Structure formats: C-alpha cells, structure tokens
Amino acid sequence: MWYNGKMAKKIAIIGVGGRTGTMFAFELKKAAEVLGVGKEKEIEMINQKKFYIDRDGRLELFEGKVVKDREFKEDFLPDFIFLATKNPVGPVIKFYYSKFKKAKKIPALLISQNGFSPFQEAEKTLREIFGKDFEKVKIVRLVLFNPIQKKEIKNKIFISYSSPIKIALANPEGIENLIEIFKLANFKIEVFPKEEGKNLEFSKLFLSLIGMASASRGFSVKDGLSNSEIFKEEVEVLKEYIRVVKATGGKFLNFSHYPVKFLAHLLELIPTNLFLVFEPLLVKIVSQKREEKEKDLDEIEFYNGAVVKLGKKMGIETPANERIYKRVLE
C-alpha cells in the first residue's frame, strides 16, 4: 500500500472491538496499513458486518483487515504496535512482544491507556523480554482527549465520537512518519518530549478524574456537577490529586483545548465552597467536553484507586478519592 507516493507504514492496533481501538483503526486506515487485532467475539461481529462507526452523527460500517488475538503472527511485521487495550499493559505487551524476541526489527510501541503507570510498566515488561536490548524498542506515550461511547443495540455495536480527534504524544522523536500519519488522518496533535511523559500522564488523569464522583453515585457528569454536594466532592478529588502530584515532584501541563495547569492552579488557590460560585459555568464547560458520554468505572483501580495508593506512598491523605474508590468497589 502507498500513501502520498510513499510505502505505507504498517500498524497493528491491539484492542479493535473496544472503543479506542476501533476508533483508531477506522481513522488511521486513511493514512497507514492497519491490522486490527481483537477478541474472538468482537472480531466475529466485525466480520459479520455488525460494527458501526457513528462520527459526528454520520453512520458508517466499520470494515478493515482484522484478526483474533490468538491468530496474530509476527509475519505481519508492523512498524508500530498500538496498544489500545485496558489496563494493565504488562501482560498484553509480554504476549505480543515475545513474538519479536528474535526479530531483526522490533516494532515501536504506542500506549494510550489512562493513568500514570502505563509507560513505566511498559518499560519494565520490555526489559524482562529483551534484557539490555529493551532500549531498542521506542515507546511513545499517547493520550486521547475525545470521549468515545460504545453501545450494543439489537446485536449491533455502535462506536460514537466527534471530530476533530485530539491527541498528545510524548517521545515521538526519531520515529519516521509517525506524526505525519496522524496529520494525514486529520488528527489534532500536540507533541511533548520524553521528559514530559510522566507529567503528560498526570495531566490526562486530572481530566479523567472529572466526573468520577458523579459516576460513582450513578449520575451523568452534567447531573452530578449540578448537585452541590457532588460538585464539592468532585472539587475535593482534584484538590487531593494536585497535592499528591506535587508531592512526587510532578507538574501539570496545559493543552491547547484543556488548560490543566491553569485549572490546577485555580483549584489550589480557591477554597472548595467558593468554587460553588462557578458551578453553572463549569457544568456547561465540562458537559460540552464530555458530550454527555458516560464515564467508565471499569478502570477505577487506575483512576481514584491509583490516587489513593500514590497518596499513601507520599504520606498525603485522600479521603474523597478513597470514598469514590470504595463506593465503586462495593
């Protein structure tokens, strides 16, 4: 396959059938040769033409080259392996990268999971597989800002999201054509050096924590934030998280559409009760960003649970995050 007069790069997207993997496979096939890898049930549904993409309200059948995870072979030697599965990343990386242990060329790894542990876990797992040669594997940290929703209706799957798709990358330097591929597929990209990888993770988790207090009580983000009691808990969750991140020596970054650093600074300065004055405005802004899409509680361990654990390690109390964590686990 060729794009813009060049041989197309090959990307294996692990997690097709899930929200994130399906969206990236659909969008990136415009700019690269994509192999979607997923679980048996989802791959069979895709082959039966039961998967649909709903982007900006326009419905389109999801089609492409896909295989079941157990059928993936190193014969399809990709330039990149894009990990779009849920946390934890270690077992998945071990399963796929063990296949390339004797390969002359090892695919670069893109990881898109939420939380502040995936990059570190990826390095640890690759070191276990390749030993001192693990540094030959380029790891790129990717964070996605668009909310994605997956629904099953009458035995058909619908993956819905809006454009433009906004992402941030840390450590993409030296990987030929990676940024070009995303641009060709009309992604909006922000790039950060490897040194900001951890701060990129901290900053994305800040955004991911918004709405967890609401979701843990069974409310949508909009309805939860409109309730003063829940709104206060949402604010306290972020205030605790900011203290934990600062204790680690980390910091927050501003993104073009999400001024996380600025918001964190405001939260530090303004008492929780005074934030109630801004409640209507914040409800409107957050609701627009979330597009009324539901929060996912499946990975609470890597959201509020991770804040609680890191807080204990740093000697910082996190009662609001603990309440939410326990509420979801009950």
Protein backbone atom coordinates (compact mmCIF):
# COMPACT_ATOMS: atom_id res chain seq x y z
CA MET A 1 0.00 0.00 0.00
CA TRP A 2 1.14 3.54 -0.81
CA TYR A 3 0.23 6.95 0.61
CA ASN A 4 1.45 10.25 -0.83
CA GLY A 5 3.92 8.38 -3.01
CA LYS A 6 5.47 6.52 -0.05
CA MET A 7 5.21 2.93 1.09
CA ALA A 8 2.58 2.85 3.81
CA LYS A 9 3.64 2.23 7.37
CA LYS A 10 2.13 -0.86 8.98
CA ILE A 11 0.30 -0.53 12.30
CA ALA A 12 -1.08 -3.38 14.38
CA ILE A 13 -3.80 -1.99 16.64
CA ILE A 14 -4.39 -4.25 19.63
CA GLY A 15 -7.85 -3.85 21.09
CA VAL A 16 -10.02 -3.48 18.00
CA GLY A 17 -13.57 -4.22 19.06
CA GLY A 18 -13.17 -1.93 22.04
CA ARG A 19 -13.98 1.77 21.88
CA THR A 20 -10.49 3.22 21.49
CA GLY A 21 -9.01 0.51 19.29
CA THR A 22 -11.94 0.57 16.87
CA MET A 23 -11.88 4.35 16.56
CA PHE A 24 -8.13 4.47 15.86
CA ALA A 25 -8.32 1.58 13.38
CA PHE A 26 -11.11 3.34 11.49
CA GLU A 27 -9.33 6.70 11.38
CA LEU A 28 -5.74 5.57 10.76
CA LYS A 29 -6.57 3.33 7.80
CA LYS A 30 -6.75 6.58 5.83
CA ALA A 31 -3.01 7.02 6.28
CA ALA A 32 -1.45 3.60 7.00
CA GLU A 33 -1.84 -0.13 6.50
CA VAL A 34 -3.78 -1.17 9.59
CA LEU A 35 -4.24 -4.63 11.06
CA GLY A 36 -6.88 -4.75 13.77
CA VAL A 37 -6.36 -7.34 16.49
CA GLY A 38 -9.10 -8.15 18.99
CA LYS A 39 -11.05 -10.68 20.99
CA GLU A 40 -12.86 -13.51 19.23
CA LYS A 41 -16.42 -12.27 19.85
CA GLU A 42 -15.78 -8.74 18.57
CA ILE A 43 -13.76 -9.86 15.54
CA GLU A 44 -16.53 -12.25 14.53
CA MET A 45 -19.08 -9.43 14.83
CA ILE A 46 -16.88 -7.19 12.66
CA ASN A 47 -16.62 -9.93 10.03
CA GLN A 48 -20.41 -10.31 10.20
CA LYS A 49 -20.72 -6.57 9.48
CA LYS A 50 -22.25 -5.75 12.86
CA PHE A 51 -19.87 -2.95 13.88
CA TYR A 52 -20.67 0.66 13.06
CA ILE A 53 -18.89 3.98 13.47
CA ASP A 54 -21.01 6.97 14.44
CA ARG A 55 -18.82 10.01 13.93
CA ASP A 56 -20.44 13.41 14.16
CA GLY A 57 -23.81 11.71 13.75
CA ARG A 58 -22.83 10.05 10.45
CA LEU A 59 -23.15 6.27 10.48
CA GLU A 60 -20.65 4.09 8.60
CA LEU A 61 -19.96 0.36 8.65
CA PHE A 62 -16.62 -0.50 10.25
CA GLU A 63 -14.55 -2.58 7.85
CA GLY A 64 -10.90 -3.48 7.62
CA LYS A 65 -8.29 -6.19 7.95
CA VAL A 66 -8.83 -7.82 11.35
CA VAL A 67 -7.66 -10.97 13.15
CA LYS A 68 -8.35 -12.60 16.51
CA ASP A 69 -5.64 -12.08 19.11
CA ARG A 70 -4.64 -15.77 19.10
CA GLU A 71 -4.22 -15.60 15.30
CA PHE A 72 -1.73 -12.72 15.35
CA LYS A 73 1.62 -13.76 13.87
CA GLU A 74 4.92 -11.97 13.60
CA ASP A 75 4.71 -12.46 9.81
CA PHE A 76 2.79 -9.18 9.75
CA LEU A 77 5.81 -7.25 10.95
CA PRO A 78 4.37 -3.85 11.85
CA ASP A 79 6.30 -0.63 12.16
CA PHE A 80 4.19 0.16 15.23
CA ILE A 81 2.15 -1.80 17.72
CA PHE A 82 -0.61 0.42 19.06
CA LEU A 83 -1.85 -0.85 22.40
CA ALA A 84 -5.48 0.24 22.81
CA THR A 85 -6.49 -2.33 25.41
CA LYS A 86 -7.47 -1.56 29.01
CA ASN A 87 -5.03 -1.51 31.91
CA PRO A 88 -2.81 -3.23 32.94
CA VAL A 89 -0.50 -3.16 29.92
CA GLY A 90 2.20 -5.58 31.10
CA PRO A 91 0.57 -8.93 30.21
CA VAL A 92 -0.54 -7.69 26.78
CA ILE A 93 2.90 -6.31 25.92
CA LYS A 94 4.50 -9.58 27.01
CA PHE A 95 2.13 -11.63 24.83
CA TYR A 96 2.82 -9.66 21.65
CA TYR A 97 6.43 -8.56 22.02
CA SER A 98 7.66 -12.03 22.98
CA LYS A 99 6.89 -12.91 19.36
CA PHE A 100 9.56 -10.44 18.22
CA LYS A 101 12.31 -11.59 20.58
CA LYS A 102 14.48 -12.84 17.70
CA ALA A 103 13.31 -10.35 15.10
CA LYS A 104 15.84 -8.07 13.42
CA LYS A 105 13.39 -5.22 13.61
CA ILE A 106 11.28 -4.62 16.71
CA PRO A 107 8.09 -2.55 16.29
CA ALA A 108 7.79 0.74 18.12
CA LEU A 109 5.14 0.72 20.87
CA LEU A 110 2.33 3.25 21.26
CA ILE A 111 0.43 3.12 24.55
CA SER A 112 -2.83 5.02 25.07
CA GLN A 113 -4.12 3.82 28.46
CA ASN A 114 -5.19 6.25 31.17
CA GLY A 115 -3.38 6.51 34.49
CA PHE A 116 0.19 7.34 35.44
CA SER A 117 1.70 3.82 35.38
CA PRO A 118 1.47 2.52 31.76
CA PHE A 119 4.77 3.98 30.50
CA GLN A 120 6.72 2.69 33.49
CA GLU A 121 5.00 -0.71 33.27
CA ALA A 122 5.76 -0.91 29.54
CA GLU A 123 9.47 -0.26 30.12
CA LYS A 124 9.60 -2.87 32.90
CA THR A 125 7.91 -5.52 30.73
CA LEU A 126 10.09 -4.84 27.69
CA ARG A 127 13.19 -5.09 29.90
CA GLU A 128 12.01 -8.52 31.05
CA ILE A 129 11.60 -9.64 27.43
CA PHE A 130 14.65 -8.12 25.73
CA GLY A 131 17.08 -7.58 28.59
CA LYS A 132 19.58 -4.82 27.92
CA ASP A 133 18.26 -4.51 24.36
CA PHE A 134 14.89 -3.23 25.60
CA GLU A 135 16.02 0.33 24.86
CA LYS A 136 15.89 -0.52 21.16
CA VAL A 137 12.11 -0.52 21.46
CA LYS A 138 10.81 3.00 21.05
CA ILE A 139 7.88 3.73 23.39
CA VAL A 140 5.53 6.59 22.57
CA ARG A 141 3.01 7.77 25.16
CA LEU A 142 -0.28 8.83 23.58
CA VAL A 143 -3.24 10.40 25.33
CA LEU A 144 -6.65 10.83 23.74
CA PHE A 145 -8.94 13.69 24.71
CA ASN A 146 -12.12 12.75 22.84
CA PRO A 147 -14.77 10.83 24.79
CA ILE A 148 -15.88 7.66 22.99
CA GLN A 149 -19.01 5.65 23.64
CA LYS A 150 -19.74 2.03 22.80
CA LYS A 151 -23.31 0.74 22.73
CA GLU A 152 -24.90 -2.53 21.67
CA ILE A 153 -28.32 -2.21 20.06
CA LYS A 154 -30.13 -5.20 18.59
CA ASN A 155 -26.95 -7.29 18.36
CA LYS A 156 -25.04 -4.50 16.62
CA ILE A 157 -22.21 -2.41 18.07
CA PHE A 158 -22.04 1.35 17.65
CA ILE A 159 -18.85 3.31 18.42
CA SER A 160 -19.64 7.03 18.63
CA TYR A 161 -17.38 10.07 18.88
CA SER A 162 -16.90 13.53 17.43
CA SER A 163 -14.20 15.12 15.30
CA PRO A 164 -11.63 16.52 15.28
CA ILE A 165 -9.80 13.85 17.23
CA LYS A 166 -7.37 15.46 19.66
CA ILE A 167 -4.30 13.64 20.95
CA ALA A 168 -1.00 14.42 22.64
CA LEU A 169 2.21 12.45 22.15
CA ALA A 170 5.31 12.18 24.32
CA ASN A 171 8.58 10.83 22.90
CA PRO A 172 7.69 10.54 19.18
CA GLU A 173 11.10 11.83 18.08
CA GLY A 174 13.06 9.54 15.81
CA ILE A 175 10.07 7.52 14.63
CA GLU A 176 9.79 8.10 10.92
CA ASN A 177 6.43 9.34 9.66
CA LEU A 178 4.52 8.81 12.93
CA ILE A 179 3.38 12.40 13.28
CA GLU A 180 2.82 12.59 9.53
CA ILE A 181 0.47 9.58 9.72
CA PHE A 182 -1.68 11.24 12.37
CA LYS A 183 -1.75 14.52 10.47
CA LEU A 184 -2.68 12.76 7.24
CA ALA A 185 -5.58 11.16 9.13
CA ASN A 186 -6.67 14.65 10.28
CA PHE A 187 -5.80 14.27 13.97
CA LYS A 188 -5.11 17.38 16.02
CA ILE A 189 -1.74 16.72 17.65
CA GLU A 190 0.32 18.20 20.45
CA VAL A 191 3.84 16.91 20.94
CA PHE A 192 5.91 16.76 24.14
CA PRO A 193 9.46 15.49 24.77
CA LYS A 194 10.10 12.20 26.58
CA GLU A 195 10.96 14.10 29.77
CA GLU A 196 7.35 15.27 30.00
CA GLY A 197 5.93 11.76 29.64
CA LYS A 198 5.07 11.38 33.32
CA ASN A 199 3.62 14.91 33.51
CA LEU A 200 1.55 14.12 30.42
CA GLU A 201 0.12 11.12 32.27
CA PHE A 202 -0.52 13.21 35.40
CA SER A 203 -2.30 15.87 33.32
CA LYS A 204 -4.54 13.45 31.43
CA LEU A 205 -5.56 11.71 34.65
CA PHE A 206 -6.59 15.12 36.03
CA LEU A 207 -9.15 15.32 33.21
CA SER A 208 -10.17 11.67 33.61
CA LEU A 209 -10.94 12.17 37.31
CA ILE A 210 -13.56 14.80 36.50
CA GLY A 211 -16.94 13.11 36.71
CA MET A 212 -15.86 10.05 38.69
CA ALA A 213 -17.63 11.26 41.85
CA SER A 214 -20.81 11.69 39.80
CA ALA A 215 -20.49 8.33 38.05
CA SER A 216 -19.82 6.52 41.33
CA ARG A 217 -23.27 7.67 42.51
CA GLY A 218 -24.99 6.71 39.26
CA PHE A 219 -25.23 10.25 37.85
CA SER A 220 -24.16 11.62 34.48
CA VAL A 221 -21.36 14.17 34.67
CA LYS A 222 -23.79 17.01 33.94
CA ASP A 223 -26.35 15.93 36.56
CA GLY A 224 -23.70 15.17 39.15
CA LEU A 225 -21.96 18.52 38.79
CA SER A 226 -25.34 20.24 39.07
CA ASN A 227 -25.72 18.77 42.56
CA SER A 228 -23.84 20.94 45.09
CA GLU A 229 -22.86 18.04 47.34
CA ILE A 230 -21.43 16.00 44.46
CA PHE A 231 -19.84 19.11 42.95
CA LYS A 232 -17.91 19.66 46.20
CA GLU A 233 -16.71 16.06 46.14
CA GLU A 234 -15.56 16.48 42.53
CA VAL A 235 -13.54 19.54 43.57
CA GLU A 236 -12.04 17.77 46.59
CA VAL A 237 -10.98 14.82 44.42
CA LEU A 238 -8.97 17.16 42.22
CA LYS A 239 -7.52 19.13 45.12
CA GLU A 240 -6.25 15.92 46.72
CA TYR A 241 -4.82 14.75 43.41
CA ILE A 242 -2.97 18.04 42.93
CA ARG A 243 -1.36 17.68 46.36
CA VAL A 244 -0.29 14.12 45.56
CA VAL A 245 1.23 15.05 42.20
CA LYS A 246 3.13 17.98 43.71
CA ALA A 247 4.48 15.71 46.45
CA THR A 248 6.01 13.47 43.77
CA GLY A 249 7.72 16.42 42.11
CA GLY A 250 5.38 16.19 39.14
CA LYS A 251 3.51 19.00 37.46
CA PHE A 252 0.58 19.65 35.17
CA LEU A 253 0.68 20.68 31.51
CA ASN A 254 -1.58 22.96 29.52
CA PHE A 255 -3.09 21.58 26.33
CA SER A 256 -4.49 23.78 23.58
CA HIS A 257 -8.12 22.95 24.45
CA TYR A 258 -7.61 21.88 28.07
CA PRO A 259 -5.65 24.30 30.30
CA VAL A 260 -4.95 21.71 33.02
CA LYS A 261 -2.04 23.63 34.55
CA PHE A 262 -4.20 26.75 34.85
CA LEU A 263 -7.15 24.83 36.33
CA ALA A 264 -4.91 23.09 38.86
CA HIS A 265 -3.52 26.47 39.93
CA LEU A 266 -7.05 27.83 40.44
CA LEU A 267 -8.03 24.79 42.49
CA GLU A 268 -5.04 25.34 44.74
CA LEU A 269 -5.92 28.98 45.33
CA ILE A 270 -9.72 28.89 45.69
CA PRO A 271 -11.45 27.15 48.64
CA THR A 272 -14.00 24.48 47.73
CA ASN A 273 -17.03 26.47 48.93
CA LEU A 274 -16.07 29.46 46.76
CA PHE A 275 -15.97 27.19 43.72
CA LEU A 276 -19.75 26.84 44.03
CA VAL A 277 -19.99 30.33 42.52
CA PHE A 278 -18.56 28.90 39.28
CA GLU A 279 -20.71 25.76 39.36
CA PRO A 280 -23.11 26.69 36.49
CA LEU A 281 -20.22 27.72 34.21
CA LEU A 282 -18.17 24.61 34.98
CA VAL A 283 -21.19 22.35 34.44
CA LYS A 284 -21.66 23.86 30.99
CA ILE A 285 -17.98 23.59 30.01
CA VAL A 286 -17.48 20.04 31.26
CA SER A 287 -20.76 18.83 29.73
CA GLN A 288 -19.74 20.20 26.35
CA LYS A 289 -16.35 18.49 26.54
CA ARG A 290 -17.88 15.17 27.63
CA GLU A 291 -20.67 15.45 25.01
CA GLU A 292 -22.98 13.66 27.51
CA LYS A 293 -20.96 10.44 27.11
CA GLU A 294 -20.89 8.19 30.17
CA LYS A 295 -17.85 7.73 32.41
CA ASP A 296 -16.30 4.27 32.52
CA LEU A 297 -15.96 2.85 36.05
CA ASP A 298 -14.21 -0.35 34.91
CA GLU A 299 -10.77 1.11 35.49
CA ILE A 300 -11.41 2.73 38.88
CA GLU A 301 -8.23 0.98 40.07
CA PHE A 302 -6.20 3.17 37.71
CA TYR A 303 -8.15 6.36 38.41
CA ASN A 304 -9.14 7.16 42.01
CA GLY A 305 -7.56 3.91 43.20
CA ALA A 306 -4.21 5.00 41.81
CA VAL A 307 -4.52 8.39 43.52
CA VAL A 308 -5.22 6.69 46.86
CA LYS A 309 -2.22 4.37 46.54
CA LEU A 310 0.19 7.09 45.46
CA GLY A 311 -1.17 9.34 48.21
CA LYS A 312 -0.37 6.70 50.84
CA LYS A 313 3.11 6.31 49.40
CA MET A 314 3.70 10.07 49.59
CA GLY A 315 2.04 10.47 53.00
CA ILE A 316 -0.88 12.50 51.61
CA GLU A 317 -4.43 11.83 52.80
CA THR A 318 -7.02 11.38 50.03
CA PRO A 319 -10.41 10.86 51.74
CA ALA A 320 -12.57 11.97 48.78
CA ASN A 321 -10.77 9.64 46.38
CA GLU A 322 -11.00 6.83 48.93
CA ARG A 323 -14.77 7.29 49.24
CA ILE A 324 -15.25 7.07 45.49
CA TYR A 325 -12.90 4.11 45.17
CA LYS A 326 -14.74 2.16 47.89
CA ARG A 327 -18.16 3.22 46.56
CA VAL A 328 -17.42 1.73 43.15
CA LEU A 329 -15.96 -1.48 44.58
CA GLU A 330 -18.99 -2.13 46.82
